[in-house]
C-alpha atoms as a PDB file:
ATOM      1  CA  MET A   1     -16.966 -13.273 -12.550  1.00  0.00           C
ATOM      2  CA  ALA A   2     -17.890 -17.042 -12.843  1.00  0.00           C
ATOM      3  CA  THR A   3     -18.716 -19.146  -9.884  1.00  0.00           C
ATOM      4  CA  ALA A   4     -15.338 -21.341  -9.482  1.00  0.00           C
ATOM      5  CA  THR A   5     -13.226 -17.930  -9.398  1.00  0.00           C
ATOM      6  CA  ILE A   6     -15.700 -16.360  -6.756  1.00  0.00           C
ATOM      7  CA  LEU A   7     -15.001 -19.296  -4.707  1.00  0.00           C
ATOM      8  CA  ALA A   8     -11.258 -19.954  -5.121  1.00  0.00           C
ATOM      9  CA  ALA A   9     -10.918 -16.399  -4.271  1.00  0.00           C
ATOM     10  CA  LEU A  10     -12.427 -16.869  -1.160  1.00  0.00           C
ATOM     11  CA  LEU A  11     -11.037 -20.135  -0.510  1.00  0.00           C
ATOM     12  CA  SER A  12      -7.660 -18.148  -0.542  1.00  0.00           C
ATOM     13  CA  GLY A  13      -8.705 -15.448   1.453  1.00  0.00           C
ATOM     14  CA  GLY A  14      -9.809 -17.894   4.175  1.00  0.00           C
ATOM     15  CA  LEU A  15      -6.421 -20.009   3.551  1.00  0.00           C
ATOM     16  CA  ILE A  16      -4.406 -16.505   4.104  1.00  0.00           C
ATOM     17  CA  GLY A  17      -6.309 -15.840   7.021  1.00  0.00           C
ATOM     18  CA  ILE A  18      -5.754 -19.511   8.984  1.00  0.00           C
ATOM     19  CA  VAL A  19      -2.431 -18.789   8.253  1.00  0.00           C
ATOM     20  CA  LEU A  20      -1.978 -15.810   9.790  1.00  0.00           C
ATOM     21  CA  GLY A  21      -4.707 -16.644  12.744  1.00  0.00           C
ATOM     22  CA  LEU A  22      -2.015 -19.496  13.481  1.00  0.00           C
ATOM     23  CA  VAL A  23       1.528 -18.395  12.831  1.00  0.00           C
ATOM     24  CA  GLY A  24       0.837 -14.735  13.248  1.00  0.00           C
ATOM     25  CA  GLY A  25       2.674 -13.826   9.818  1.00  0.00           C
ATOM     26  CA  GLY A  26       3.406 -14.824   6.484  1.00  0.00           C
ATOM     27  CA  GLY A  27       0.094 -14.751   5.332  1.00  0.00           C
ATOM     28  CA  SER A  28       1.157 -12.398   2.457  1.00  0.00           C
ATOM     29  CA  ILE A  29       4.007 -14.558   0.889  1.00  0.00           C
ATOM     30  CA  LEU A  30       1.016 -17.509   0.112  1.00  0.00           C
ATOM     31  CA  ALA A  31      -1.269 -14.971  -1.207  1.00  0.00           C
ATOM     32  CA  VAL A  32       0.797 -14.181  -5.126  1.00  0.00           C
ATOM     33  CA  PRO A  33       1.191 -17.647  -5.765  1.00  0.00           C
ATOM     34  CA  LEU A  34      -2.936 -18.486  -4.409  1.00  0.00           C
ATOM     35  CA  LEU A  35      -3.627 -15.387  -6.773  1.00  0.00           C
ATOM     36  CA  ALA A  36      -1.668 -17.012  -9.553  1.00  0.00           C
ATOM     37  CA  TYR A  37      -2.453 -20.475 -10.147  1.00  0.00           C
ATOM     38  CA  VAL A  38      -5.321 -21.306  -7.791  1.00  0.00           C
ATOM     39  CA  VAL A  39      -8.177 -18.001  -8.946  1.00  0.00           C
ATOM     40  CA  HIS A  40      -6.057 -17.598 -11.848  1.00  0.00           C
ATOM     41  CA  MET A  41      -5.522 -14.404 -12.456  1.00  0.00           C
ATOM     42  CA  GLY A  42      -3.993 -13.847 -15.936  1.00  0.00           C
ATOM     43  CA  SER A  43      -0.918 -11.136 -14.827  1.00  0.00           C
ATOM     44  CA  ALA A  44       1.440 -11.977 -12.568  1.00  0.00           C
ATOM     45  CA  HIS A  45       1.500  -8.106 -11.874  1.00  0.00           C
ATOM     46  CA  ALA A  46      -1.914  -8.067 -11.333  1.00  0.00           C
ATOM     47  CA  ALA A  47      -1.747 -10.682  -9.168  1.00  0.00           C
ATOM     48  CA  ILE A  48       0.931  -8.880  -6.988  1.00  0.00           C
ATOM     49  CA  GLY A  49      -1.067  -5.297  -6.942  1.00  0.00           C
ATOM     50  CA  THR A  50      -4.059  -7.623  -5.817  1.00  0.00           C
ATOM     51  CA  ALA A  51      -2.348  -8.971  -3.068  1.00  0.00           C
ATOM     52  CA  ALA A  52      -0.653  -5.891  -1.871  1.00  0.00           C
ATOM     53  CA  VAL A  53      -3.907  -4.515  -0.980  1.00  0.00           C
ATOM     54  CA  ALA A  54      -5.550  -7.596   0.591  1.00  0.00           C
ATOM     55  CA  VAL A  55      -2.436  -7.626   2.666  1.00  0.00           C
ATOM     56  CA  ALA A  56      -2.247  -3.766   3.897  1.00  0.00           C
ATOM     57  CA  ALA A  57      -6.175  -4.459   5.053  1.00  0.00           C
ATOM     58  CA  ASN A  58      -5.226  -7.666   6.557  1.00  0.00           C
ATOM     59  CA  ALA A  59      -2.426  -5.582   8.687  1.00  0.00           C
ATOM     60  CA  ALA A  60      -4.400  -2.838   9.671  1.00  0.00           C
ATOM     61  CA  VAL A  61      -6.663  -4.960  10.810  1.00  0.00           C
ATOM     62  CA  GLY A  62      -4.050  -6.572  13.011  1.00  0.00           C
ATOM     63  CA  LEU A  63      -2.626  -3.305  14.022  1.00  0.00           C
ATOM     64  CA  ALA A  64      -5.565  -2.446  16.565  1.00  0.00           C
ATOM     65  CA  GLY A  65      -5.224  -5.166  18.708  1.00  0.00           C
ATOM     66  CA  HIS A  66      -1.526  -4.790  18.875  1.00  0.00           C
ATOM     67  CA  ALA A  67      -1.446  -1.219  20.057  1.00  0.00           C
ATOM     68  CA  ARG A  68      -4.636  -1.814  22.284  1.00  0.00           C
ATOM     69  CA  ALA A  69      -1.925  -4.393  23.766  1.00  0.00           C
ATOM     70  CA  GLY A  70       0.703  -2.048  23.699  1.00  0.00           C
ATOM     71  CA  THR A  71       3.055  -4.057  22.036  1.00  0.00           C
ATOM     72  CA  VAL A  72       3.585  -1.509  18.990  1.00  0.00           C
ATOM     73  CA  LYS A  73       6.773   0.694  19.434  1.00  0.00           C
ATOM     74  CA  TRP A  74       5.744   3.650  17.476  1.00  0.00           C
ATOM     75  CA  PRO A  75       8.499   5.803  17.244  1.00  0.00           C
ATOM     76  CA  CYS A  76      10.878   2.634  15.770  1.00  0.00           C
ATOM     77  CA  ALA A  77       7.610   2.056  13.546  1.00  0.00           C
ATOM     78  CA  LEU A  78       7.597   5.176  11.881  1.00  0.00           C
ATOM     79  CA  VAL A  79      10.957   5.096  11.101  1.00  0.00           C
ATOM     80  CA  PHE A  80      11.030   1.882   9.731  1.00  0.00           C
ATOM     81  CA  ALA A  81       7.987   2.755   8.040  1.00  0.00           C
ATOM     82  CA  LEU A  82       8.850   6.050   6.213  1.00  0.00           C
ATOM     83  CA  ALA A  83      12.365   4.298   4.965  1.00  0.00           C
ATOM     84  CA  GLY A  84      10.314   1.390   3.989  1.00  0.00           C
ATOM     85  CA  MET A  85       7.822   3.632   1.901  1.00  0.00           C
ATOM     86  CA  ALA A  86      10.483   4.983   0.160  1.00  0.00           C
ATOM     87  CA  GLY A  87      11.772   1.632  -0.926  1.00  0.00           C
ATOM     88  CA  ALA A  88       8.725   0.051  -2.065  1.00  0.00           C
ATOM     89  CA  VAL A  89       8.171   2.824  -4.505  1.00  0.00           C
ATOM     90  CA  ALA A  90      11.269   2.145  -6.018  1.00  0.00           C
ATOM     91  CA  GLY A  91      11.102  -1.907  -5.656  1.00  0.00           C
ATOM     92  CA  ALA A  92       7.106  -1.334  -6.987  1.00  0.00           C
ATOM     93  CA  GLU A  93       8.365   0.178 -10.163  1.00  0.00           C
ATOM     94  CA  LEU A  94      11.300  -2.038 -11.222  1.00  0.00           C
ATOM     95  CA  GLY A  95       8.919  -5.200 -10.725  1.00  0.00           C
ATOM     96  CA  LYS A  96       6.481  -3.783 -13.056  1.00  0.00           C
ATOM     97  CA  ALA A  97       9.645  -3.643 -15.585  1.00  0.00           C
ATOM     98  CA  ILE A  98      10.068  -6.875 -15.335  1.00  0.00           C
ATOM     99  CA  ASP A  99       8.447  -9.890 -17.304  1.00  0.00           C
ATOM    100  CA  GLY A 100       5.787 -11.520 -15.127  1.00  0.00           C
ATOM    101  CA  GLY A 101       6.995 -14.778 -15.637  1.00  0.00           C
ATOM    102  CA  ARG A 102      10.719 -13.939 -14.455  1.00  0.00           C
ATOM    103  CA  LEU A 103       9.152 -12.439 -11.873  1.00  0.00           C
ATOM    104  CA  LEU A 104       6.917 -15.507 -10.165  1.00  0.00           C
ATOM    105  CA  LEU A 105      10.612 -16.844 -10.673  1.00  0.00           C
ATOM    106  CA  LEU A 106      12.487 -14.324  -8.126  1.00  0.00           C
ATOM    107  CA  PHE A 107       9.103 -14.671  -5.844  1.00  0.00           C
ATOM    108  CA  GLY A 108       9.429 -18.383  -5.766  1.00  0.00           C
ATOM    109  CA  LEU A 109      13.156 -18.117  -4.792  1.00  0.00           C
ATOM    110  CA  LEU A 110      12.247 -15.992  -2.133  1.00  0.00           C
ATOM    111  CA  MET A 111       9.976 -17.989  -0.909  1.00  0.00           C
ATOM    112  CA  ILE A 112      12.332 -20.621  -0.333  1.00  0.00           C
ATOM    113  CA  GLY A 113      14.972 -18.098   1.048  1.00  0.00           C
ATOM    114  CA  VAL A 114      12.655 -16.593   3.655  1.00  0.00           C
ATOM    115  CA  GLY A 115      11.674 -20.558   4.400  1.00  0.00           C
ATOM    116  CA  VAL A 116      15.116 -21.624   5.614  1.00  0.00           C
ATOM    117  CA  SER A 117      15.710 -18.044   7.268  1.00  0.00           C
ATOM    118  CA  MET A 118      12.661 -19.308   9.215  1.00  0.00           C
ATOM    119  CA  LEU A 119      13.844 -22.920   9.982  1.00  0.00           C
ATOM    120  CA  LEU A 120      17.191 -21.572  10.587  1.00  0.00           C
ATOM    121  CA  ARG A 121      15.605 -18.865  13.427  1.00  0.00           C
ATOM    122  CA  LYS A 122      16.388 -19.120  16.711  1.00  0.00           C
ATOM    123  CA  ALA A 123      14.235 -17.075  19.570  1.00  0.00           C
ATOM    124  CA  SER A 124      15.350 -14.406  21.622  1.00  0.00           C
ATOM    125  CA  GLU A 125      14.170 -12.690  24.636  1.00  0.00           C
ATOM    126  CA  GLY A 126      15.161  -9.246  23.605  1.00  0.00           C
ATOM    127  CA  GLN A 127      14.926  -6.077  25.479  1.00  0.00           C
ATOM    128  CA  PRO A 128      11.980  -4.747  26.061  1.00  0.00           C
ATOM    129  CA  ASP A 129      12.488  -1.209  27.186  1.00  0.00           C
ATOM    130  CA  VAL A 130      14.089  -0.042  23.966  1.00  0.00           C
ATOM    131  CA  ARG A 131      12.998   3.328  22.720  1.00  0.00           C
ATOM    132  CA  LEU A 132      13.798   5.852  20.283  1.00  0.00           C
ATOM    133  CA  THR A 133      14.719   9.047  21.484  1.00  0.00           C
ATOM    134  CA  ALA A 134      17.120  11.727  21.429  1.00  0.00           C
ATOM    135  CA  GLN A 135      19.600   9.917  23.203  1.00  0.00           C
ATOM    136  CA  THR A 136      19.220   7.093  21.477  1.00  0.00           C
ATOM    137  CA  ALA A 137      18.630   7.824  17.839  1.00  0.00           C
ATOM    138  CA  GLY A 138      22.610   8.190  17.239  1.00  0.00           C
ATOM    139  CA  HIS A 139      22.514   4.351  17.831  1.00  0.00           C
ATOM    140  CA  LEU A 140      19.252   3.329  16.441  1.00  0.00           C
ATOM    141  CA  LEU A 141      18.577   5.085  13.739  1.00  0.00           C
ATOM    142  CA  PRO A 142      21.801   3.984  11.413  1.00  0.00           C
ATOM    143  CA  ARG A 143      20.547   0.794  11.465  1.00  0.00           C
ATOM    144  CA  LEU A 144      16.715   1.425  11.238  1.00  0.00           C
ATOM    145  CA  VAL A 145      16.770   3.264   8.233  1.00  0.00           C
ATOM    146  CA  PRO A 146      18.863   0.802   6.175  1.00  0.00           C
ATOM    147  CA  ALA A 147      17.053  -1.845   7.406  1.00  0.00           C
ATOM    148  CA  GLY A 148      13.771  -0.094   6.121  1.00  0.00           C
ATOM    149  CA  LEU A 149      14.781   0.804   2.900  1.00  0.00           C
ATOM    150  CA  ALA A 150      16.213  -2.966   2.178  1.00  0.00           C
ATOM    151  CA  VAL A 151      12.615  -4.331   3.445  1.00  0.00           C
ATOM    152  CA  GLY A 152      10.361  -1.904   1.378  1.00  0.00           C
ATOM    153  CA  LEU A 153      12.632  -2.460  -1.980  1.00  0.00           C
ATOM    154  CA  ALA A 154      11.684  -6.136  -1.480  1.00  0.00           C
ATOM    155  CA  ALA A 155       8.222  -5.603  -0.218  1.00  0.00           C
ATOM    156  CA  GLY A 156       7.569  -3.563  -3.160  1.00  0.00           C
ATOM    157  CA  PHE A 157       9.021  -5.505  -6.073  1.00  0.00           C
ATOM    158  CA  PHE A 158       7.545  -8.623  -4.602  1.00  0.00           C
ATOM    159  CA  GLY A 159       4.135  -6.913  -3.680  1.00  0.00           C
ATOM    160  CA  ILE A 160       4.084  -8.685  -0.266  1.00  0.00           C
ATOM    161  CA  GLY A 161       3.496  -7.150   3.530  1.00  0.00           C
ATOM    162  CA  GLY A 162       6.920  -8.420   4.013  1.00  0.00           C
ATOM    163  CA  GLY A 163       6.656  -9.420   7.883  1.00  0.00           C
ATOM    164  CA  PHE A 164       8.181 -12.231   7.770  1.00  0.00           C
ATOM    165  CA  LEU A 165      11.704 -10.012   6.589  1.00  0.00           C
ATOM    166  CA  ILE A 166      10.741  -7.292   8.863  1.00  0.00           C
ATOM    167  CA  VAL A 167      10.106  -8.674  12.218  1.00  0.00           C
ATOM    168  CA  PRO A 168      13.644 -10.337  12.115  1.00  0.00           C
ATOM    169  CA  ALA A 169      15.049  -6.665  11.154  1.00  0.00           C
ATOM    170  CA  LEU A 170      13.357  -4.620  13.978  1.00  0.00           C
ATOM    171  CA  ILE A 171      14.772  -7.157  16.046  1.00  0.00           C
ATOM    172  CA  ALA A 172      18.566  -7.007  14.725  1.00  0.00           C
ATOM    173  CA  ALA A 173      18.622  -3.444  14.290  1.00  0.00           C
ATOM    174  CA  THR A 174      17.069  -2.960  17.739  1.00  0.00           C
ATOM    175  CA  GLY A 175      16.616  -6.043  19.651  1.00  0.00           C
ATOM    176  CA  MET A 176      13.497  -5.657  21.070  1.00  0.00           C
ATOM    177  CA  PRO A 177      11.831  -9.010  21.822  1.00  0.00           C
ATOM    178  CA  LEU A 178       9.244 -11.000  19.280  1.00  0.00           C
ATOM    179  CA  ARG A 179       5.933 -10.069  20.027  1.00  0.00           C
ATOM    180  CA  PHE A 180       7.061  -5.934  19.826  1.00  0.00           C
ATOM    181  CA  ALA A 181       8.285  -6.628  16.921  1.00  0.00           C
ATOM    182  CA  VAL A 182       5.037  -8.349  15.606  1.00  0.00           C
ATOM    183  CA  GLY A 183       3.151  -5.751  16.620  1.00  0.00           C
ATOM    184  CA  THR A 184       5.492  -3.311  15.416  1.00  0.00           C
ATOM    185  CA  SER A 185       6.024  -5.006  12.228  1.00  0.00           C
ATOM    186  CA  LEU A 186       2.250  -4.101  11.418  1.00  0.00           C
ATOM    187  CA  VAL A 187       2.831  -0.404  10.968  1.00  0.00           C
ATOM    188  CA  VAL A 188       5.490  -1.167   8.328  1.00  0.00           C
ATOM    189  CA  VAL A 189       3.508  -3.882   6.619  1.00  0.00           C
ATOM    190  CA  THR A 190       0.017  -1.397   6.573  1.00  0.00           C
ATOM    191  CA  ALA A 191       2.465   1.297   5.090  1.00  0.00           C
ATOM    192  CA  LEU A 192       4.466  -0.457   2.659  1.00  0.00           C
ATOM    193  CA  GLY A 193       0.949  -2.468   1.553  1.00  0.00           C
ATOM    194  CA  LEU A 194      -0.664   0.695   0.808  1.00  0.00           C
ATOM    195  CA  THR A 195       2.862   1.967  -0.688  1.00  0.00           C
ATOM    196  CA  THR A 196       3.107  -0.963  -3.317  1.00  0.00           C
ATOM    197  CA  ALA A 197      -0.985  -1.245  -3.935  1.00  0.00           C
ATOM    198  CA  THR A 198      -1.119   2.794  -4.770  1.00  0.00           C
ATOM    199  CA  SER A 199       1.706   1.871  -7.447  1.00  0.00           C
ATOM    200  CA  TYR A 200       0.166  -0.792  -9.043  1.00  0.00           C
ATOM    201  CA  ALA A 201      -3.279   0.564  -8.725  1.00  0.00           C
ATOM    202  CA  LEU A 202      -2.302   3.587 -10.715  1.00  0.00           C
ATOM    203  CA  SER A 203      -1.045   1.110 -13.414  1.00  0.00           C
ATOM    204  CA  GLY A 204      -4.096  -0.819 -13.550  1.00  0.00           C
ATOM    205  CA  TYR A 205      -2.942  -3.932 -12.012  1.00  0.00           C
ATOM    206  CA  VAL A 206      -5.723  -4.221  -9.067  1.00  0.00           C
ATOM    207  CA  ASP A 207      -8.533  -6.169  -9.042  1.00  0.00           C
ATOM    208  CA  TRP A 208     -10.342  -4.666  -7.284  1.00  0.00           C
ATOM    209  CA  PRO A 209     -13.215  -7.700  -6.663  1.00  0.00           C
ATOM    210  CA  ILE A 210     -11.555 -10.215  -6.267  1.00  0.00           C
ATOM    211  CA  VAL A 211      -9.412  -8.205  -3.346  1.00  0.00           C
ATOM    212  CA  ALA A 212     -13.332  -7.310  -1.521  1.00  0.00           C
ATOM    213  CA  LEU A 213     -13.418 -11.570  -1.684  1.00  0.00           C
ATOM    214  CA  LEU A 214      -9.402 -11.837  -0.320  1.00  0.00           C
ATOM    215  CA  ILE A 215     -10.575  -9.694   2.705  1.00  0.00           C
ATOM    216  CA  ALA A 216     -13.910 -11.522   3.361  1.00  0.00           C
ATOM    217  CA  GLY A 217     -12.419 -14.666   3.202  1.00  0.00           C
ATOM    218  CA  GLY A 218      -9.564 -13.612   5.037  1.00  0.00           C
ATOM    219  CA  ALA A 219     -11.521 -12.191   8.068  1.00  0.00           C
ATOM    220  CA  VAL A 220     -13.647 -16.280   8.687  1.00  0.00           C
ATOM    221  CA  GLY A 221      -9.843 -17.389   8.212  1.00  0.00           C
ATOM    222  CA  SER A 222      -8.551 -15.296  10.587  1.00  0.00           C
ATOM    223  CA  LEU A 223     -11.276 -16.316  13.719  1.00  0.00           C
ATOM    224  CA  LEU A 224     -10.674 -20.063  12.494  1.00  0.00           C
ATOM    225  CA  GLY A 225      -7.288 -19.540  12.595  1.00  0.00           C
ATOM    226  CA  ILE A 226      -7.045 -17.505  15.846  1.00  0.00           C
ATOM    227  CA  ARG A 227      -8.834 -20.412  17.641  1.00  0.00           C
ATOM    228  CA  LEU A 228      -6.844 -23.160  16.179  1.00  0.00           C
ATOM    229  CA  GLY A 229      -4.042 -21.305  17.258  1.00  0.00           C
ATOM    230  CA  HIS A 230      -4.938 -21.119  20.994  1.00  0.00           C
ATOM    231  CA  ARG A 231      -5.704 -25.214  21.107  1.00  0.00           C
ATOM    232  CA  LEU A 232      -2.447 -25.078  19.367  1.00  0.00           C
ATOM    233  CA  ALA A 233      -0.305 -23.102  21.129  1.00  0.00           C
ATOM    234  CA  ALA A 234       1.833 -25.149  23.323  1.00  0.00           C
ATOM    235  CA  HIS A 235       2.516 -26.482  19.995  1.00  0.00           C
ATOM    236  CA  LYS A 236       3.732 -22.850  18.359  1.00  0.00           C
ATOM    237  CA  GLY A 237       7.811 -23.978  17.538  1.00  0.00           C
ATOM    238  CA  LEU A 238       6.657 -26.852  15.709  1.00  0.00           C
ATOM    239  CA  LEU A 239       3.522 -24.571  13.751  1.00  0.00           C
ATOM    240  CA  ASP A 240       6.052 -22.392  12.768  1.00  0.00           C
ATOM    241  CA  ARG A 241       8.830 -25.085  11.223  1.00  0.00           C
ATOM    242  CA  LEU A 242       5.312 -26.624   9.373  1.00  0.00           C
ATOM    243  CA  PHE A 243       4.857 -22.964   7.865  1.00  0.00           C
ATOM    244  CA  ALA A 244       8.343 -22.404   7.193  1.00  0.00           C
ATOM    245  CA  THR A 245       8.006 -25.646   5.298  1.00  0.00           C
ATOM    246  CA  LEU A 246       4.939 -25.096   3.397  1.00  0.00           C
ATOM    247  CA  VAL A 247       6.717 -21.588   2.014  1.00  0.00           C
ATOM    248  CA  VAL A 248       9.728 -24.099   0.737  1.00  0.00           C
ATOM    249  CA  LEU A 249       7.766 -26.543  -0.918  1.00  0.00           C
ATOM    250  CA  VAL A 250       5.609 -23.808  -2.590  1.00  0.00           C
ATOM    251  CA  GLY A 251       8.497 -21.730  -3.414  1.00  0.00           C
ATOM    252  CA  LEU A 252      10.070 -24.933  -5.109  1.00  0.00           C
ATOM    253  CA  TYR A 253       6.598 -25.235  -7.292  1.00  0.00           C
ATOM    254  CA  VAL A 254       6.531 -21.760  -8.079  1.00  0.00           C
ATOM    255  CA  ILE A 255      10.214 -22.246  -9.645  1.00  0.00           C
ATOM    256  CA  LEU A 256       9.123 -25.304 -10.941  1.00  0.00           C
ATOM    257  CA  ARG A 257       6.280 -23.583 -12.882  1.00  0.00           C
ATOM    258  CA  GLY A 258       8.211 -21.102 -13.862  1.00  0.00           C
ATOM    259  CA  LEU A 259      10.404 -23.090 -15.357  1.00  0.00           C
END
């Protein structure tokens, strides 16, 4: 592997880690453009499959911290994840059947939609005591299962963790507060990432040396991002808006390259 490729992969992993540390999510949506245009992976499908493995690994690390903090609603997470995995399998097969250039074009449109929705999203206090039990199943399951299927389909199709989709979907389906939705979403991100990664790996679309470099760079970037996040905690809203704007701009760039 060329030195330039190694450095580009480490830098890309570091940038993804910094974003995750600063804004608590969204790093995965930058992974595919970084792999396609910075690391210069020759195939859009290989970029998606490789990104999915790195996303799953990063989410699993983050999940451990949230589990210790008690901010994971496990029953809701498991139902959402199981529905999402079914959607991810279908989405991954559909994504592999589409031309790589067209797939990147659709990915750019998704990025713009996500960025705009992040700019328009309003904070909510939520219901911290929400739980999936025998008594609440009739109310929550009809919301959790369709939401999980839809998010899983998108995650599998585009090879993303989908945290930026899962968090608002969990809040809409259950009414849980943002901090619980973020922790709970990491269970789903890990499951969907593994499902998508397995599908692409079986088709030979995962570059394992690049995965290792992304994870190594991401570990360092996450530490830096967390430290910066603590220092800039008072400006969290501004950071979120800046990140959303970056997502829109990168989406426009991906579309222009695709055209």
